[in-house]
Amino acid sequence: MKICPRCREEYLDTIISCSPCQEELVREQDVHISAKTGLLSKEELLSHETVALLEGSLDSCRELEKTLTKAKISSAVYPKTLSCDDNAATLGASCSLKYMLLVRVDDVQACQEALHGSFTEQIAREGKGRFIADTINLEDTEIQCPACGHQAALNQGECVSCGLFLGEVG
């Protein structure tokens, strides 16, 4: 697998350059601190104390990684194999692979600020909605939906107007 040293997008080994960045692709293990990006290589990042900012699908980790790269925050996607207990496995069960997005512990606050800024920008671009920092108490008899603004009781954890799942009490 090759990656672009600027945007960190992954490409097949047969691809030579990143179309958007016009950068020559390199193997992931060959990426070092880039003067253009100022980001740490995966190996350099792993030499620091790190924390998993996200555990989830590869797509989710890559999306967040792009946001952090734009904010000049070094991060690395790392696979995490989930344990599989053969004695408790059901028919068709398999060990699954999950991914972690690792960042330096010292960068956690900067990550929070970058993600908040990205979210606020996205809302502004879409021209609707607003950032809601209030906590929703699911034990209330009526809840105002943060997505559509409808105020009513939840139906099995969902807004009766737009269907947003907020969670079930219990």
C-alpha atoms as a PDB file:
ATOM      1  CA  MET A   1       0.000   0.000   0.000  1.00  0.00           C
ATOM      2  CA  LYS A   2       1.279   3.480  -0.887  1.00  0.00           C
ATOM      3  CA  ILE A   3       0.291   6.798   0.642  1.00  0.00           C
ATOM      4  CA  CYS A   4       0.560  10.443  -0.229  1.00  0.00           C
ATOM      5  CA  PRO A   5       3.077  12.134   2.099  1.00  0.00           C
ATOM      6  CA  ARG A   6       0.978  15.322   2.095  1.00  0.00           C
ATOM      7  CA  CYS A   7      -2.685  14.259   2.541  1.00  0.00           C
ATOM      8  CA  ARG A   8      -2.013  10.688   3.790  1.00  0.00           C
ATOM      9  CA  GLU A   9      -4.566   9.201   1.362  1.00  0.00           C
ATOM     10  CA  GLU A  10      -3.919   5.505   0.620  1.00  0.00           C
ATOM     11  CA  TYR A  11      -3.414   4.134  -2.890  1.00  0.00           C
ATOM     12  CA  LEU A  12      -2.758   0.773  -4.503  1.00  0.00           C
ATOM     13  CA  ASP A  13       0.891  -0.065  -5.137  1.00  0.00           C
ATOM     14  CA  THR A  14       0.414   0.434  -8.902  1.00  0.00           C
ATOM     15  CA  ILE A  15      -0.475   4.144  -8.528  1.00  0.00           C
ATOM     16  CA  ILE A  16       2.457   6.572  -8.799  1.00  0.00           C
ATOM     17  CA  SER A  17       1.155   9.969  -7.659  1.00  0.00           C
ATOM     18  CA  CYS A  18      -1.676  11.599  -5.714  1.00  0.00           C
ATOM     19  CA  SER A  19      -3.962  13.427  -8.160  1.00  0.00           C
ATOM     20  CA  PRO A  20      -5.175  16.202  -5.820  1.00  0.00           C
ATOM     21  CA  CYS A  21      -1.762  16.929  -4.265  1.00  0.00           C
ATOM     22  CA  GLN A  22       0.461  16.120  -7.278  1.00  0.00           C
ATOM     23  CA  GLU A  23       2.839  14.361  -4.858  1.00  0.00           C
ATOM     24  CA  GLU A  24       4.764  11.185  -5.604  1.00  0.00           C
ATOM     25  CA  LEU A  25       3.433   8.328  -3.466  1.00  0.00           C
ATOM     26  CA  VAL A  26       5.624   6.440  -1.002  1.00  0.00           C
ATOM     27  CA  ARG A  27       5.265   3.276   1.014  1.00  0.00           C
ATOM     28  CA  GLU A  28       3.723   3.925   4.417  1.00  0.00           C
ATOM     29  CA  GLN A  29       6.787   2.644   6.266  1.00  0.00           C
ATOM     30  CA  ASP A  30       8.978   5.084   4.309  1.00  0.00           C
ATOM     31  CA  VAL A  31       7.078   8.216   5.334  1.00  0.00           C
ATOM     32  CA  HIS A  32       9.204  10.424   7.559  1.00  0.00           C
ATOM     33  CA  ILE A  33       8.705  13.866   9.028  1.00  0.00           C
ATOM     34  CA  SER A  34       7.780  15.989   6.066  1.00  0.00           C
ATOM     35  CA  ALA A  35       8.990  19.558   5.748  1.00  0.00           C
ATOM     36  CA  LYS A  36       5.795  20.305   3.797  1.00  0.00           C
ATOM     37  CA  THR A  37       3.353  19.024   6.410  1.00  0.00           C
ATOM     38  CA  GLY A  38       5.344  19.136   9.634  1.00  0.00           C
ATOM     39  CA  LEU A  39       3.653  15.875  10.651  1.00  0.00           C
ATOM     40  CA  LEU A  40       5.361  12.964  12.347  1.00  0.00           C
ATOM     41  CA  SER A  41       5.748   9.629  10.595  1.00  0.00           C
ATOM     42  CA  LYS A  42       3.865   6.673  12.021  1.00  0.00           C
ATOM     43  CA  GLU A  43       7.079   5.305  13.556  1.00  0.00           C
ATOM     44  CA  GLU A  44       7.962   8.663  15.120  1.00  0.00           C
ATOM     45  CA  LEU A  45       4.433   9.041  16.496  1.00  0.00           C
ATOM     46  CA  LEU A  46       4.570   5.567  18.051  1.00  0.00           C
ATOM     47  CA  SER A  47       7.806   6.475  19.834  1.00  0.00           C
ATOM     48  CA  HIS A  48       5.738   8.940  21.948  1.00  0.00           C
ATOM     49  CA  GLU A  49       3.062   8.162  24.524  1.00  0.00           C
ATOM     50  CA  THR A  50      -0.154   7.776  22.513  1.00  0.00           C
ATOM     51  CA  VAL A  51      -3.855   7.423  23.178  1.00  0.00           C
ATOM     52  CA  ALA A  52      -6.618   5.979  20.986  1.00  0.00           C
ATOM     53  CA  LEU A  53      -8.752   8.944  19.976  1.00  0.00           C
ATOM     54  CA  LEU A  54     -11.175   6.666  18.124  1.00  0.00           C
ATOM     55  CA  GLU A  55     -11.780   2.951  17.801  1.00  0.00           C
ATOM     56  CA  GLY A  56     -13.953   1.926  14.893  1.00  0.00           C
ATOM     57  CA  SER A  57     -14.082   1.184  11.188  1.00  0.00           C
ATOM     58  CA  LEU A  58     -11.218   2.021   8.866  1.00  0.00           C
ATOM     59  CA  ASP A  59     -13.386   4.609   7.096  1.00  0.00           C
ATOM     60  CA  SER A  60     -14.199   6.389  10.364  1.00  0.00           C
ATOM     61  CA  CYS A  61     -10.561   6.467  11.413  1.00  0.00           C
ATOM     62  CA  ARG A  62      -9.414   7.746   7.999  1.00  0.00           C
ATOM     63  CA  GLU A  63     -12.053  10.497   7.984  1.00  0.00           C
ATOM     64  CA  LEU A  64     -10.918  11.731  11.388  1.00  0.00           C
ATOM     65  CA  GLU A  65      -7.264  11.370  10.376  1.00  0.00           C
ATOM     66  CA  LYS A  66      -7.858  13.726   7.412  1.00  0.00           C
ATOM     67  CA  THR A  67      -9.410  16.333   9.706  1.00  0.00           C
ATOM     68  CA  LEU A  68      -6.432  16.145  12.061  1.00  0.00           C
ATOM     69  CA  THR A  69      -3.942  16.287   9.166  1.00  0.00           C
ATOM     70  CA  LYS A  70      -5.542  19.533   7.969  1.00  0.00           C
ATOM     71  CA  ALA A  71      -5.070  20.881  11.508  1.00  0.00           C
ATOM     72  CA  LYS A  72      -1.387  19.805  11.410  1.00  0.00           C
ATOM     73  CA  ILE A  73      -1.880  17.198  14.164  1.00  0.00           C
ATOM     74  CA  SER A  74       0.024  13.935  13.725  1.00  0.00           C
ATOM     75  CA  SER A  75      -2.030  10.753  13.947  1.00  0.00           C
ATOM     76  CA  ALA A  76      -1.805   7.145  12.820  1.00  0.00           C
ATOM     77  CA  VAL A  77      -4.388   4.502  11.999  1.00  0.00           C
ATOM     78  CA  TYR A  78      -3.466   1.222  13.611  1.00  0.00           C
ATOM     79  CA  PRO A  79      -5.298  -2.132  13.351  1.00  0.00           C
ATOM     80  CA  LYS A  80      -6.675  -3.709  16.500  1.00  0.00           C
ATOM     81  CA  THR A  81      -7.742  -7.358  16.420  1.00  0.00           C
ATOM     82  CA  LEU A  82     -10.656  -8.197  18.659  1.00  0.00           C
ATOM     83  CA  SER A  83     -10.288 -11.404  20.661  1.00  0.00           C
ATOM     84  CA  CYS A  84     -12.362 -14.366  19.599  1.00  0.00           C
ATOM     85  CA  ASP A  85     -13.438 -17.036  22.068  1.00  0.00           C
ATOM     86  CA  ASP A  86     -13.960 -20.223  20.033  1.00  0.00           C
ATOM     87  CA  ASN A  87     -15.982 -21.820  22.846  1.00  0.00           C
ATOM     88  CA  ALA A  88     -18.538 -19.004  22.838  1.00  0.00           C
ATOM     89  CA  ALA A  89     -18.612 -18.426  19.068  1.00  0.00           C
ATOM     90  CA  THR A  90     -21.889 -18.833  17.227  1.00  0.00           C
ATOM     91  CA  LEU A  91     -22.399 -20.144  13.706  1.00  0.00           C
ATOM     92  CA  GLY A  92     -20.820 -17.717  11.263  1.00  0.00           C
ATOM     93  CA  ALA A  93     -18.927 -15.804  13.959  1.00  0.00           C
ATOM     94  CA  SER A  94     -15.429 -14.662  13.189  1.00  0.00           C
ATOM     95  CA  CYS A  95     -12.823 -12.548  14.821  1.00  0.00           C
ATOM     96  CA  SER A  96     -13.251  -9.047  13.529  1.00  0.00           C
ATOM     97  CA  LEU A  97     -10.729  -6.331  12.858  1.00  0.00           C
ATOM     98  CA  LYS A  98     -11.191  -2.866  14.256  1.00  0.00           C
ATOM     99  CA  TYR A  99      -8.949   0.152  13.916  1.00  0.00           C
ATOM    100  CA  MET A 100      -7.657   2.806  16.286  1.00  0.00           C
ATOM    101  CA  LEU A 101      -6.691   6.352  15.486  1.00  0.00           C
ATOM    102  CA  LEU A 102      -3.699   7.102  17.676  1.00  0.00           C
ATOM    103  CA  VAL A 103      -2.532  10.582  18.650  1.00  0.00           C
ATOM    104  CA  ARG A 104       0.095  11.810  21.069  1.00  0.00           C
ATOM    105  CA  VAL A 105      -1.235  12.353  24.581  1.00  0.00           C
ATOM    106  CA  ASP A 106       0.104  15.906  24.387  1.00  0.00           C
ATOM    107  CA  ASP A 107      -2.111  16.560  21.324  1.00  0.00           C
ATOM    108  CA  VAL A 108      -5.481  15.540  22.813  1.00  0.00           C
ATOM    109  CA  GLN A 109      -6.532  19.128  23.625  1.00  0.00           C
ATOM    110  CA  ALA A 110      -5.528  20.288  20.131  1.00  0.00           C
ATOM    111  CA  CYS A 111      -7.551  17.400  18.666  1.00  0.00           C
ATOM    112  CA  GLN A 112     -10.618  18.488  20.616  1.00  0.00           C
ATOM    113  CA  GLU A 113     -10.253  22.060  19.347  1.00  0.00           C
ATOM    114  CA  ALA A 114      -9.697  20.930  15.746  1.00  0.00           C
ATOM    115  CA  LEU A 115     -12.717  18.623  15.788  1.00  0.00           C
ATOM    116  CA  HIS A 116     -14.955  21.278  17.359  1.00  0.00           C
ATOM    117  CA  GLY A 117     -13.819  23.763  14.707  1.00  0.00           C
ATOM    118  CA  SER A 118     -14.404  21.252  11.909  1.00  0.00           C
ATOM    119  CA  PHE A 119     -17.887  20.491  13.212  1.00  0.00           C
ATOM    120  CA  THR A 120     -18.763  24.188  13.475  1.00  0.00           C
ATOM    121  CA  GLU A 121     -17.480  24.795   9.916  1.00  0.00           C
ATOM    122  CA  GLN A 122     -19.526  21.888   8.608  1.00  0.00           C
ATOM    123  CA  ILE A 123     -22.705  23.243  10.192  1.00  0.00           C
ATOM    124  CA  ALA A 124     -21.999  26.682   8.716  1.00  0.00           C
ATOM    125  CA  ARG A 125     -21.430  25.191   5.228  1.00  0.00           C
ATOM    126  CA  GLU A 126     -24.698  23.262   5.413  1.00  0.00           C
ATOM    127  CA  GLY A 127     -26.517  26.370   6.551  1.00  0.00           C
ATOM    128  CA  LYS A 128     -28.732  24.617   9.024  1.00  0.00           C
ATOM    129  CA  GLY A 129     -28.609  23.398  12.573  1.00  0.00           C
ATOM    130  CA  ARG A 130     -26.515  24.656  15.406  1.00  0.00           C
ATOM    131  CA  PHE A 131     -24.063  23.263  17.877  1.00  0.00           C
ATOM    132  CA  ILE A 132     -25.860  22.063  20.991  1.00  0.00           C
ATOM    133  CA  ALA A 133     -23.722  21.654  24.069  1.00  0.00           C
ATOM    134  CA  ASP A 134     -26.638  20.868  26.406  1.00  0.00           C
ATOM    135  CA  THR A 135     -26.924  17.366  27.803  1.00  0.00           C
ATOM    136  CA  ILE A 136     -30.157  15.567  26.955  1.00  0.00           C
ATOM    137  CA  ASN A 137     -31.764  13.836  29.915  1.00  0.00           C
ATOM    138  CA  LEU A 138     -33.355  10.680  28.496  1.00  0.00           C
ATOM    139  CA  GLU A 139     -35.406  10.266  31.659  1.00  0.00           C
ATOM    140  CA  ASP A 140     -37.466  13.407  30.895  1.00  0.00           C
ATOM    141  CA  THR A 141     -41.039  12.741  29.754  1.00  0.00           C
ATOM    142  CA  GLU A 142     -40.591  15.085  26.779  1.00  0.00           C
ATOM    143  CA  ILE A 143     -37.328  15.708  24.959  1.00  0.00           C
ATOM    144  CA  GLN A 144     -36.490  18.328  22.350  1.00  0.00           C
ATOM    145  CA  CYS A 145     -34.846  16.553  19.426  1.00  0.00           C
ATOM    146  CA  PRO A 146     -31.446  18.123  18.638  1.00  0.00           C
ATOM    147  CA  ALA A 147     -31.891  17.312  14.935  1.00  0.00           C
ATOM    148  CA  CYS A 148     -35.380  18.575  14.109  1.00  0.00           C
ATOM    149  CA  GLY A 149     -36.391  20.531  17.236  1.00  0.00           C
ATOM    150  CA  HIS A 150     -39.608  18.525  17.768  1.00  0.00           C
ATOM    151  CA  GLN A 151     -40.550  18.229  21.435  1.00  0.00           C
ATOM    152  CA  ALA A 152     -42.253  15.006  22.507  1.00  0.00           C
ATOM    153  CA  ALA A 153     -41.711  11.731  24.286  1.00  0.00           C
ATOM    154  CA  LEU A 154     -39.322   9.304  22.601  1.00  0.00           C
ATOM    155  CA  ASN A 155     -40.707   6.206  20.919  1.00  0.00           C
ATOM    156  CA  GLN A 156     -38.352   3.339  21.780  1.00  0.00           C
ATOM    157  CA  GLY A 157     -35.497   5.817  21.996  1.00  0.00           C
ATOM    158  CA  GLU A 158     -36.289   7.597  18.706  1.00  0.00           C
ATOM    159  CA  CYS A 159     -37.653  11.033  17.886  1.00  0.00           C
ATOM    160  CA  VAL A 160     -41.228  10.522  16.645  1.00  0.00           C
ATOM    161  CA  SER A 161     -40.780  13.279  14.061  1.00  0.00           C
ATOM    162  CA  CYS A 162     -37.440  12.569  12.340  1.00  0.00           C
ATOM    163  CA  GLY A 163     -36.455   9.139  13.673  1.00  0.00           C
ATOM    164  CA  LEU A 164     -33.140  10.197  15.235  1.00  0.00           C
ATOM    165  CA  PHE A 165     -32.126   7.509  17.750  1.00  0.00           C
ATOM    166  CA  LEU A 166     -31.162   9.126  21.031  1.00  0.00           C
ATOM    167  CA  GLY A 167     -31.079   6.018  23.225  1.00  0.00           C
ATOM    168  CA  GLU A 168     -33.350   4.091  25.459  1.00  0.00           C
ATOM    169  CA  VAL A 169     -33.812   4.601  29.168  1.00  0.00           C
ATOM    170  CA  GLY A 170     -32.994   1.573  31.184  1.00  0.00           C
END
